[in-house]
PDB file of N, CA and C in Angstrom:
ATOM      1  N   MET A   1     -51.130   3.015  -5.940  1.00  0.00           N
ATOM      2  CA  MET A   1     -50.360   3.427  -4.831  1.00  0.00           C
ATOM      3  C   MET A   1     -49.631   2.130  -4.192  1.00  0.00           C
ATOM      4  N   ALA A   2     -50.417   1.038  -4.159  1.00  0.00           N
ATOM      5  CA  ALA A   2     -49.964  -0.169  -3.586  1.00  0.00           C
ATOM      6  C   ALA A   2     -48.805  -0.771  -4.402  1.00  0.00           C
ATOM      7  N   THR A   3     -48.825  -0.573  -5.751  1.00  0.00           N
ATOM      8  CA  THR A   3     -47.791  -1.192  -6.643  1.00  0.00           C
ATOM      9  C   THR A   3     -46.551  -0.449  -6.416  1.00  0.00           C
ATOM     10  N   ALA A   4     -46.520   0.868  -6.181  1.00  0.00           N
ATOM     11  CA  ALA A   4     -45.319   1.559  -5.952  1.00  0.00           C
ATOM     12  C   ALA A   4     -44.653   1.079  -4.601  1.00  0.00           C
ATOM     13  N   ASN A   5     -45.485   0.832  -3.666  1.00  0.00           N
ATOM     14  CA  ASN A   5     -45.024   0.422  -2.430  1.00  0.00           C
ATOM     15  C   ASN A   5     -44.403  -0.963  -2.346  1.00  0.00           C
ATOM     16  N   THR A   6     -44.900  -1.855  -3.202  1.00  0.00           N
ATOM     17  CA  THR A   6     -44.339  -3.177  -3.309  1.00  0.00           C
ATOM     18  C   THR A   6     -43.084  -3.149  -3.997  1.00  0.00           C
ATOM     19  N   LYS A   7     -42.906  -2.268  -5.102  1.00  0.00           N
ATOM     20  CA  LYS A   7     -41.702  -2.135  -5.892  1.00  0.00           C
ATOM     21  C   LYS A   7     -40.654  -1.664  -4.981  1.00  0.00           C
ATOM     22  N   THR A   8     -40.926  -0.734  -4.149  1.00  0.00           N
ATOM     23  CA  THR A   8     -39.818  -0.143  -3.272  1.00  0.00           C
ATOM     24  C   THR A   8     -39.412  -1.251  -2.305  1.00  0.00           C
ATOM     25  N   THR A   9     -40.295  -2.041  -1.647  1.00  0.00           N
ATOM     26  CA  THR A   9     -40.048  -3.068  -0.802  1.00  0.00           C
ATOM     27  C   THR A   9     -39.232  -4.068  -1.349  1.00  0.00           C
ATOM     28  N   SER A  10     -39.508  -4.605  -2.586  1.00  0.00           N
ATOM     29  CA  SER A  10     -38.741  -5.469  -3.118  1.00  0.00           C
ATOM     30  C   SER A  10     -37.267  -5.035  -3.586  1.00  0.00           C
ATOM     31  N   ALA A  11     -37.260  -3.711  -3.943  1.00  0.00           N
ATOM     32  CA  ALA A  11     -35.960  -3.142  -4.333  1.00  0.00           C
ATOM     33  C   ALA A  11     -35.049  -3.102  -3.041  1.00  0.00           C
ATOM     34  N   THR A  12     -35.681  -2.711  -1.875  1.00  0.00           N
ATOM     35  CA  THR A  12     -34.915  -2.618  -0.564  1.00  0.00           C
ATOM     36  C   THR A  12     -34.382  -4.060  -0.189  1.00  0.00           C
ATOM     37  N   LYS A  13     -35.268  -5.023  -0.286  1.00  0.00           N
ATOM     38  CA  LYS A  13     -34.948  -6.320   0.086  1.00  0.00           C
ATOM     39  C   LYS A  13     -33.794  -6.819  -0.891  1.00  0.00           C
ATOM     40  N   ALA A  14     -33.741  -6.529  -2.116  1.00  0.00           N
ATOM     41  CA  ALA A  14     -32.728  -6.955  -3.094  1.00  0.00           C
ATOM     42  C   ALA A  14     -31.390  -6.249  -2.672  1.00  0.00           C
ATOM     43  N   ARG A  15     -31.490  -4.960  -2.383  1.00  0.00           N
ATOM     44  CA  ARG A  15     -30.263  -4.168  -1.883  1.00  0.00           C
ATOM     45  C   ARG A  15     -29.761  -4.818  -0.601  1.00  0.00           C
ATOM     46  N   SER A  16     -30.527  -5.021   0.301  1.00  0.00           N
ATOM     47  CA  SER A  16     -30.164  -5.557   1.646  1.00  0.00           C
ATOM     48  C   SER A  16     -29.414  -6.978   1.537  1.00  0.00           C
ATOM     49  N   THR A  17     -29.908  -7.807   0.638  1.00  0.00           N
ATOM     50  CA  THR A  17     -29.491  -9.194   0.465  1.00  0.00           C
ATOM     51  C   THR A  17     -28.080  -9.095  -0.166  1.00  0.00           C
ATOM     52  N   ASN A  18     -27.852  -8.124  -1.184  1.00  0.00           N
ATOM     53  CA  ASN A  18     -26.693  -8.115  -1.934  1.00  0.00           C
ATOM     54  C   ASN A  18     -25.474  -7.303  -1.053  1.00  0.00           C
ATOM     55  N   SER A  19     -25.939  -6.468  -0.176  1.00  0.00           N
ATOM     56  CA  SER A  19     -24.953  -5.725   0.640  1.00  0.00           C
ATOM     57  C   SER A  19     -24.481  -6.500   1.863  1.00  0.00           C
ATOM     58  N   ASP A  20     -25.114  -7.638   2.182  1.00  0.00           N
ATOM     59  CA  ASP A  20     -24.721  -8.404   3.368  1.00  0.00           C
ATOM     60  C   ASP A  20     -23.854  -9.475   2.848  1.00  0.00           C
ATOM     61  N   PRO A  21     -22.472  -9.376   3.136  1.00  0.00           N
ATOM     62  CA  PRO A  21     -21.585 -10.369   2.695  1.00  0.00           C
ATOM     63  C   PRO A  21     -21.705 -11.659   3.633  1.00  0.00           C
ATOM     64  N   ARG A  22     -22.080 -12.765   3.070  1.00  0.00           N
ATOM     65  CA  ARG A  22     -22.136 -13.933   3.914  1.00  0.00           C
ATOM     66  C   ARG A  22     -21.695 -15.122   2.929  1.00  0.00           C
ATOM     67  N   GLY A  23     -21.171 -16.014   3.725  1.00  0.00           N
ATOM     68  CA  GLY A  23     -20.493 -17.265   2.916  1.00  0.00           C
ATOM     69  C   GLY A  23     -19.149 -16.849   2.249  1.00  0.00           C
ATOM     70  N   ASN A  24     -19.096 -17.035   1.115  1.00  0.00           N
ATOM     71  CA  ASN A  24     -17.827 -16.734   0.334  1.00  0.00           C
ATOM     72  C   ASN A  24     -17.726 -15.357   0.024  1.00  0.00           C
ATOM     73  N   GLN A  25     -16.647 -14.673   0.658  1.00  0.00           N
ATOM     74  CA  GLN A  25     -16.390 -13.344   0.384  1.00  0.00           C
ATOM     75  C   GLN A  25     -15.332 -13.177  -0.672  1.00  0.00           C
ATOM     76  N   VAL A  26     -15.463 -12.067  -1.500  1.00  0.00           N
ATOM     77  CA  VAL A  26     -14.480 -11.805  -2.399  1.00  0.00           C
ATOM     78  C   VAL A  26     -13.566 -10.749  -2.007  1.00  0.00           C
ATOM     79  N   PHE A  27     -12.293 -11.098  -2.028  1.00  0.00           N
ATOM     80  CA  PHE A  27     -11.333 -10.094  -1.568  1.00  0.00           C
ATOM     81  C   PHE A  27     -10.709  -9.342  -2.806  1.00  0.00           C
ATOM     82  N   LEU A  28     -10.342  -8.090  -2.565  1.00  0.00           N
ATOM     83  CA  LEU A  28      -9.875  -7.195  -3.674  1.00  0.00           C
ATOM     84  C   LEU A  28      -8.569  -7.760  -4.208  1.00  0.00           C
ATOM     85  N   PHE A  29      -7.630  -8.142  -3.217  1.00  0.00           N
ATOM     86  CA  PHE A  29      -6.279  -8.656  -3.589  1.00  0.00           C
ATOM     87  C   PHE A  29      -6.094 -10.134  -3.265  1.00  0.00           C
ATOM     88  N   ASP A  30      -5.170 -10.820  -4.000  1.00  0.00           N
ATOM     89  CA  ASP A  30      -4.871 -12.124  -3.638  1.00  0.00           C
ATOM     90  C   ASP A  30      -3.520 -12.184  -2.935  1.00  0.00           C
ATOM     91  N   LYS A  31      -2.978 -13.357  -2.749  1.00  0.00           N
ATOM     92  CA  LYS A  31      -1.744 -13.581  -2.086  1.00  0.00           C
ATOM     93  C   LYS A  31      -0.506 -12.942  -2.716  1.00  0.00           C
ATOM     94  N   GLY A  32      -0.523 -12.998  -4.062  1.00  0.00           N
ATOM     95  CA  GLY A  32       0.557 -12.323  -4.802  1.00  0.00           C
ATOM     96  C   GLY A  32       0.542 -10.794  -4.656  1.00  0.00           C
ATOM     97  N   ASN A  33      -0.521 -10.189  -4.581  1.00  0.00           N
ATOM     98  CA  ASN A  33      -0.540  -8.719  -4.351  1.00  0.00           C
ATOM     99  C   ASN A  33      -0.077  -8.436  -3.070  1.00  0.00           C
ATOM    100  N   TYR A  34      -0.400  -9.199  -2.021  1.00  0.00           N
ATOM    101  CA  TYR A  34       0.062  -8.892  -0.615  1.00  0.00           C
ATOM    102  C   TYR A  34       1.548  -9.156  -0.538  1.00  0.00           C
ATOM    103  N   MET A  35       1.984 -10.105  -1.166  1.00  0.00           N
ATOM    104  CA  MET A  35       3.536 -10.349  -1.232  1.00  0.00           C
ATOM    105  C   MET A  35       4.210  -9.140  -1.815  1.00  0.00           C
ATOM    106  N   TRP A  36       3.802  -8.668  -2.871  1.00  0.00           N
ATOM    107  CA  TRP A  36       4.472  -7.433  -3.546  1.00  0.00           C
ATOM    108  C   TRP A  36       4.323  -6.257  -2.653  1.00  0.00           C
ATOM    109  N   MET A  37       3.187  -6.174  -1.903  1.00  0.00           N
ATOM    110  CA  MET A  37       3.086  -5.004  -1.068  1.00  0.00           C
ATOM    111  C   MET A  37       3.959  -5.110   0.137  1.00  0.00           C
ATOM    112  N   ILE A  38       4.223  -6.327   0.620  1.00  0.00           N
ATOM    113  CA  ILE A  38       5.148  -6.569   1.745  1.00  0.00           C
ATOM    114  C   ILE A  38       6.587  -6.185   1.270  1.00  0.00           C
ATOM    115  N   ILE A  39       6.899  -6.731   0.189  1.00  0.00           N
ATOM    116  CA  ILE A  39       8.264  -6.423  -0.533  1.00  0.00           C
ATOM    117  C   ILE A  39       8.418  -4.946  -0.583  1.00  0.00           C
ATOM    118  N   GLY A  40       7.449  -4.116  -1.044  1.00  0.00           N
ATOM    119  CA  GLY A  40       7.572  -2.606  -1.225  1.00  0.00           C
ATOM    120  C   GLY A  40       7.723  -1.974   0.106  1.00  0.00           C
ATOM    121  N   VAL A  41       6.994  -2.428   1.108  1.00  0.00           N
ATOM    122  CA  VAL A  41       7.140  -1.774   2.464  1.00  0.00           C
ATOM    123  C   VAL A  41       8.512  -2.062   3.055  1.00  0.00           C
ATOM    124  N   VAL A  42       8.969  -3.182   2.944  1.00  0.00           N
ATOM    125  CA  VAL A  42      10.288  -3.580   3.406  1.00  0.00           C
ATOM    126  C   VAL A  42      11.406  -2.739   2.701  1.00  0.00           C
ATOM    127  N   LEU A  43      11.322  -2.444   1.421  1.00  0.00           N
ATOM    128  CA  LEU A  43      12.244  -1.654   0.765  1.00  0.00           C
ATOM    129  C   LEU A  43      12.186  -0.173   1.226  1.00  0.00           C
ATOM    130  N   ILE A  44      10.959   0.261   1.430  1.00  0.00           N
ATOM    131  CA  ILE A  44      10.761   1.734   2.051  1.00  0.00           C
ATOM    132  C   ILE A  44      11.527   1.802   3.349  1.00  0.00           C
ATOM    133  N   LEU A  45      11.128   0.731   4.288  1.00  0.00           N
ATOM    134  CA  LEU A  45      11.774   0.769   5.486  1.00  0.00           C
ATOM    135  C   LEU A  45      13.337   0.661   5.534  1.00  0.00           C
ATOM    136  N   ILE A  46      13.806  -0.085   4.589  1.00  0.00           N
ATOM    137  CA  ILE A  46      15.237  -0.224   4.436  1.00  0.00           C
ATOM    138  C   ILE A  46      15.820   1.148   3.958  1.00  0.00           C
ATOM    139  N   SER A  47      15.171   1.799   3.153  1.00  0.00           N
ATOM    140  CA  SER A  47      15.674   3.206   2.633  1.00  0.00           C
ATOM    141  C   SER A  47      15.591   4.170   3.806  1.00  0.00           C
ATOM    142  N   LEU A  48      14.578   4.040   4.622  1.00  0.00           N
ATOM    143  CA  LEU A  48      14.610   5.056   5.807  1.00  0.00           C
ATOM    144  C   LEU A  48      15.732   4.703   6.853  1.00  0.00           C
ATOM    145  N   PHE A  49      15.997   3.449   6.941  1.00  0.00           N
ATOM    146  CA  PHE A  49      17.136   3.068   7.773  1.00  0.00           C
ATOM    147  C   PHE A  49      18.439   3.601   7.161  1.00  0.00           C
ATOM    148  N   LEU A  50      18.570   3.483   5.894  1.00  0.00           N
ATOM    149  CA  LEU A  50      19.843   4.049   5.288  1.00  0.00           C
ATOM    150  C   LEU A  50      19.947   5.427   5.400  1.00  0.00           C
ATOM    151  N   MET A  51      18.832   6.265   5.429  1.00  0.00           N
ATOM    152  CA  MET A  51      18.889   7.697   5.524  1.00  0.00           C
ATOM    153  C   MET A  51      19.264   8.136   6.987  1.00  0.00           C
ATOM    154  N   ALA A  52      19.011   7.253   7.974  1.00  0.00           N
ATOM    155  CA  ALA A  52      19.159   7.722   9.401  1.00  0.00           C
ATOM    156  C   ALA A  52      20.654   8.017   9.601  1.00  0.00           C
ATOM    157  N   GLY A  53      20.853   8.729  10.677  1.00  0.00           N
ATOM    158  CA  GLY A  53      22.230   8.955  11.206  1.00  0.00           C
ATOM    159  C   GLY A  53      22.752  10.288  10.714  1.00  0.00           C
ATOM    160  N   GLY A  54      24.077  10.385  10.788  1.00  0.00           N
ATOM    161  CA  GLY A  54      24.737  11.708  10.371  1.00  0.00           C
ATOM    162  C   GLY A  54      24.830  12.759  11.448  1.00  0.00           C
ATOM    163  N   LYS A  55      24.526  12.281  12.737  1.00  0.00           N
ATOM    164  CA  LYS A  55      24.626  13.240  13.834  1.00  0.00           C
ATOM    165  C   LYS A  55      26.153  13.347  14.274  1.00  0.00           C
ATOM    166  N   SER A  56      26.512  14.515  14.474  1.00  0.00           N
ATOM    167  CA  SER A  56      27.883  14.853  14.911  1.00  0.00           C
ATOM    168  C   SER A  56      27.976  14.759  16.496  1.00  0.00           C
ATOM    169  N   GLU A  57      29.045  14.353  17.030  1.00  0.00           N
ATOM    170  CA  GLU A  57      29.322  14.242  18.444  1.00  0.00           C
ATOM    171  C   GLU A  57      29.250  15.731  19.068  1.00  0.00           C
ATOM    172  N   ASP A  58      30.060  16.545  18.315  1.00  0.00           N
ATOM    173  CA  ASP A  58      30.173  17.929  18.760  1.00  0.00           C
ATOM    174  C   ASP A  58      29.185  18.725  17.923  1.00  0.00           C
ATOM    175  N   PRO A  59      28.154  19.438  18.588  1.00  0.00           N
ATOM    176  CA  PRO A  59      27.139  20.257  17.836  1.00  0.00           C
ATOM    177  C   PRO A  59      27.780  21.504  17.104  1.00  0.00           C
ATOM    178  N   ASN A  60      29.005  21.933  17.501  1.00  0.00           N
ATOM    179  CA  ASN A  60      29.634  23.063  16.843  1.00  0.00           C
ATOM    180  C   ASN A  60      30.431  22.581  15.607  1.00  0.00           C
ATOM    181  N   GLN A  61      30.528  21.330  15.355  1.00  0.00           N
ATOM    182  CA  GLN A  61      31.262  20.892  14.258  1.00  0.00           C
ATOM    183  C   GLN A  61      30.325  20.324  13.209  1.00  0.00           C
ATOM    184  N   PHE A  62      30.610  20.580  11.961  1.00  0.00           N
ATOM    185  CA  PHE A  62      29.774  20.143  10.843  1.00  0.00           C
ATOM    186  C   PHE A  62      30.517  19.187   9.989  1.00  0.00           C
ATOM    187  N   ASN A  63      30.113  17.937   9.951  1.00  0.00           N
ATOM    188  CA  ASN A  63      30.911  17.009   9.035  1.00  0.00           C
ATOM    189  C   ASN A  63      30.049  16.717   7.729  1.00  0.00           C
ATOM    190  N   TYR A  64      30.575  17.463   6.735  1.00  0.00           N
ATOM    191  CA  TYR A  64      29.910  17.412   5.401  1.00  0.00           C
ATOM    192  C   TYR A  64      29.860  15.956   4.883  1.00  0.00           C
ATOM    193  N   ASP A  65      30.959  15.220   4.849  1.00  0.00           N
ATOM    194  CA  ASP A  65      31.024  13.983   4.323  1.00  0.00           C
ATOM    195  C   ASP A  65      30.125  12.911   4.959  1.00  0.00           C
ATOM    196  N   GLN A  66      29.914  13.130   6.261  1.00  0.00           N
ATOM    197  CA  GLN A  66      29.059  12.145   6.954  1.00  0.00           C
ATOM    198  C   GLN A  66      27.562  12.487   6.599  1.00  0.00           C
ATOM    199  N   LEU A  67      27.146  13.755   6.641  1.00  0.00           N
ATOM    200  CA  LEU A  67      25.761  14.113   6.384  1.00  0.00           C
ATOM    201  C   LEU A  67      25.363  13.873   4.974  1.00  0.00           C
ATOM    202  N   TYR A  68      26.150  14.326   4.040  1.00  0.00           N
ATOM    203  CA  TYR A  68      25.784  14.247   2.659  1.00  0.00           C
ATOM    204  C   TYR A  68      26.578  13.136   2.001  1.00  0.00           C
ATOM    205  N   SER A  69      26.470  11.955   2.486  1.00  0.00           N
ATOM    206  CA  SER A  69      27.145  10.803   1.854  1.00  0.00           C
ATOM    207  C   SER A  69      26.312  10.237   0.743  1.00  0.00           C
ATOM    208  N   PHE A  70      26.949   9.389  -0.146  1.00  0.00           N
ATOM    209  CA  PHE A  70      26.267   8.722  -1.183  1.00  0.00           C
ATOM    210  C   PHE A  70      25.096   7.835  -0.777  1.00  0.00           C
ATOM    211  N   ARG A  71      25.335   7.249   0.429  1.00  0.00           N
ATOM    212  CA  ARG A  71      24.236   6.412   0.977  1.00  0.00           C
ATOM    213  C   ARG A  71      22.933   7.181   1.240  1.00  0.00           C
ATOM    214  N   ARG A  72      23.120   8.339   1.948  1.00  0.00           N
ATOM    215  CA  ARG A  72      21.880   9.162   2.343  1.00  0.00           C
ATOM    216  C   ARG A  72      21.289   9.917   1.162  1.00  0.00           C
ATOM    217  N   ILE A  73      22.116  10.456   0.285  1.00  0.00           N
ATOM    218  CA  ILE A  73      21.659  11.380  -0.758  1.00  0.00           C
ATOM    219  C   ILE A  73      21.247  10.633  -1.954  1.00  0.00           C
ATOM    220  N   THR A  74      21.959   9.527  -2.369  1.00  0.00           N
ATOM    221  CA  THR A  74      21.628   8.855  -3.652  1.00  0.00           C
ATOM    222  C   THR A  74      20.998   7.486  -3.460  1.00  0.00           C
ATOM    223  N   LEU A  75      21.635   6.688  -2.638  1.00  0.00           N
ATOM    224  CA  LEU A  75      21.202   5.236  -2.654  1.00  0.00           C
ATOM    225  C   LEU A  75      19.879   5.114  -1.883  1.00  0.00           C
ATOM    226  N   ALA A  76      19.652   5.690  -0.813  1.00  0.00           N
ATOM    227  CA  ALA A  76      18.335   5.638  -0.053  1.00  0.00           C
ATOM    228  C   ALA A  76      17.203   6.160  -0.823  1.00  0.00           C
ATOM    229  N   PRO A  77      17.255   7.280  -1.426  1.00  0.00           N
ATOM    230  CA  PRO A  77      16.135   7.665  -2.178  1.00  0.00           C
ATOM    231  C   PRO A  77      15.791   6.883  -3.378  1.00  0.00           C
ATOM    232  N   ILE A  78      16.803   6.288  -4.078  1.00  0.00           N
ATOM    233  CA  ILE A  78      16.525   5.364  -5.285  1.00  0.00           C
ATOM    234  C   ILE A  78      15.723   4.197  -4.732  1.00  0.00           C
ATOM    235  N   ILE A  79      16.300   3.574  -3.563  1.00  0.00           N
ATOM    236  CA  ILE A  79      15.550   2.308  -2.986  1.00  0.00           C
ATOM    237  C   ILE A  79      14.152   2.779  -2.645  1.00  0.00           C
ATOM    238  N   MET A  80      13.912   3.890  -2.027  1.00  0.00           N
ATOM    239  CA  MET A  80      12.584   4.321  -1.663  1.00  0.00           C
ATOM    240  C   MET A  80      11.716   4.431  -2.894  1.00  0.00           C
ATOM    241  N   MET A  81      12.131   4.994  -3.937  1.00  0.00           N
ATOM    242  CA  MET A  81      11.296   5.137  -5.162  1.00  0.00           C
ATOM    243  C   MET A  81      11.012   3.815  -5.714  1.00  0.00           C
ATOM    244  N   ILE A  82      12.009   2.860  -5.652  1.00  0.00           N
ATOM    245  CA  ILE A  82      11.655   1.531  -6.179  1.00  0.00           C
ATOM    246  C   ILE A  82      10.600   0.931  -5.239  1.00  0.00           C
ATOM    247  N   GLY A  83      10.589   1.120  -3.940  1.00  0.00           N
ATOM    248  CA  GLY A  83       9.717   0.576  -3.063  1.00  0.00           C
ATOM    249  C   GLY A  83       8.259   1.105  -3.360  1.00  0.00           C
ATOM    250  N   PHE A  84       8.209   2.465  -3.625  1.00  0.00           N
ATOM    251  CA  PHE A  84       6.879   3.027  -3.996  1.00  0.00           C
ATOM    252  C   PHE A  84       6.456   2.530  -5.260  1.00  0.00           C
ATOM    253  N   ALA A  85       7.248   2.265  -6.207  1.00  0.00           N
ATOM    254  CA  ALA A  85       6.895   1.800  -7.552  1.00  0.00           C
ATOM    255  C   ALA A  85       6.335   0.413  -7.375  1.00  0.00           C
ATOM    256  N   ILE A  86       6.923  -0.429  -6.457  1.00  0.00           N
ATOM    257  CA  ILE A  86       6.472  -1.734  -6.218  1.00  0.00           C
ATOM    258  C   ILE A  86       5.132  -1.811  -5.661  1.00  0.00           C
ATOM    259  N   GLU A  87       4.861  -0.743  -4.687  1.00  0.00           N
ATOM    260  CA  GLU A  87       3.642  -0.568  -4.053  1.00  0.00           C
ATOM    261  C   GLU A  87       2.492  -0.292  -5.160  1.00  0.00           C
ATOM    262  N   VAL A  88       2.893   0.686  -6.035  1.00  0.00           N
ATOM    263  CA  VAL A  88       1.871   0.983  -7.155  1.00  0.00           C
ATOM    264  C   VAL A  88       1.617  -0.330  -7.929  1.00  0.00           C
ATOM    265  N   TYR A  89       2.612  -1.057  -8.304  1.00  0.00           N
ATOM    266  CA  TYR A  89       2.407  -2.226  -9.105  1.00  0.00           C
ATOM    267  C   TYR A  89       1.609  -3.302  -8.353  1.00  0.00           C
ATOM    268  N   ALA A  90       1.739  -3.414  -6.919  1.00  0.00           N
ATOM    269  CA  ALA A  90       0.941  -4.363  -6.231  1.00  0.00           C
ATOM    270  C   ALA A  90      -0.440  -4.015  -6.161  1.00  0.00           C
ATOM    271  N   ILE A  91      -0.718  -2.750  -6.123  1.00  0.00           N
ATOM    272  CA  ILE A  91      -2.131  -2.222  -6.117  1.00  0.00           C
ATOM    273  C   ILE A  91      -2.882  -2.389  -7.491  1.00  0.00           C
ATOM    274  N   MET A  92      -2.137  -2.151  -8.473  1.00  0.00           N
ATOM    275  CA  MET A  92      -2.666  -2.090  -9.807  1.00  0.00           C
ATOM    276  C   MET A  92      -2.714  -3.583 -10.432  1.00  0.00           C
ATOM    277  N   LYS A  93      -1.871  -4.465  -9.907  1.00  0.00           N
ATOM    278  CA  LYS A  93      -1.818  -5.819 -10.477  1.00  0.00           C
ATOM    279  C   LYS A  93      -3.128  -6.472 -10.319  1.00  0.00           C
ATOM    280  N   LYS A  94      -3.573  -7.175 -11.403  1.00  0.00           N
ATOM    281  CA  LYS A  94      -4.881  -7.882 -11.481  1.00  0.00           C
ATOM    282  C   LYS A  94      -4.666  -9.168 -10.739  1.00  0.00           C
ATOM    283  N   PRO A  95      -5.612  -9.510  -9.772  1.00  0.00           N
ATOM    284  CA  PRO A  95      -5.383 -10.738  -9.134  1.00  0.00           C
ATOM    285  C   PRO A  95      -5.468 -11.977  -9.975  1.00  0.00           C
ATOM    286  N   SER A  96      -4.665 -12.991  -9.689  1.00  0.00           N
ATOM    287  CA  SER A  96      -4.580 -14.122 -10.648  1.00  0.00           C
ATOM    288  C   SER A  96      -5.919 -15.001 -10.836  1.00  0.00           C
ATOM    289  N   ASN A  97      -6.742 -14.886  -9.710  1.00  0.00           N
ATOM    290  CA  ASN A  97      -8.028 -15.580  -9.712  1.00  0.00           C
ATOM    291  C   ASN A  97      -9.113 -14.799 -10.421  1.00  0.00           C
ATOM    292  N   GLY A  98      -8.816 -13.641 -10.967  1.00  0.00           N
ATOM    293  CA  GLY A  98      -9.787 -12.839 -11.558  1.00  0.00           C
ATOM    294  C   GLY A  98     -10.642 -12.059 -10.764  1.00  0.00           C
ATOM    295  N   GLY A  99     -10.403 -11.956  -9.365  1.00  0.00           N
ATOM    296  CA  GLY A  99     -11.305 -11.199  -8.477  1.00  0.00           C
ATOM    297  C   GLY A  99     -12.432 -12.072  -8.043  1.00  0.00           C
ATOM    298  N   GLU A 100     -12.408 -13.392  -8.345  1.00  0.00           N
ATOM    299  CA  GLU A 100     -13.524 -14.236  -7.957  1.00  0.00           C
ATOM    300  C   GLU A 100     -13.142 -15.367  -7.009  1.00  0.00           C
TER     301      GLU A 100
END
């Protein structure tokens, strides 16, 4: 009975020392990953800015060309998809320091 108790105590001590991050902490991403993430977020924000607008001064008048322009329907969604692709790349990219 005493041996089982000592095994549990030593296992608990090993777990507690491994779960307490002290000293040098290892980060999941490095500077390059964060730079790619920032670039992706900036592109997404630019695309949202490009989609904005299209409001008519007169609520009874519908301006088709202003609402369904190339910028809002084609350009902004393409830039947004590029931004999301960059975000996926930034998350999946292996850190240059090997995670250590």
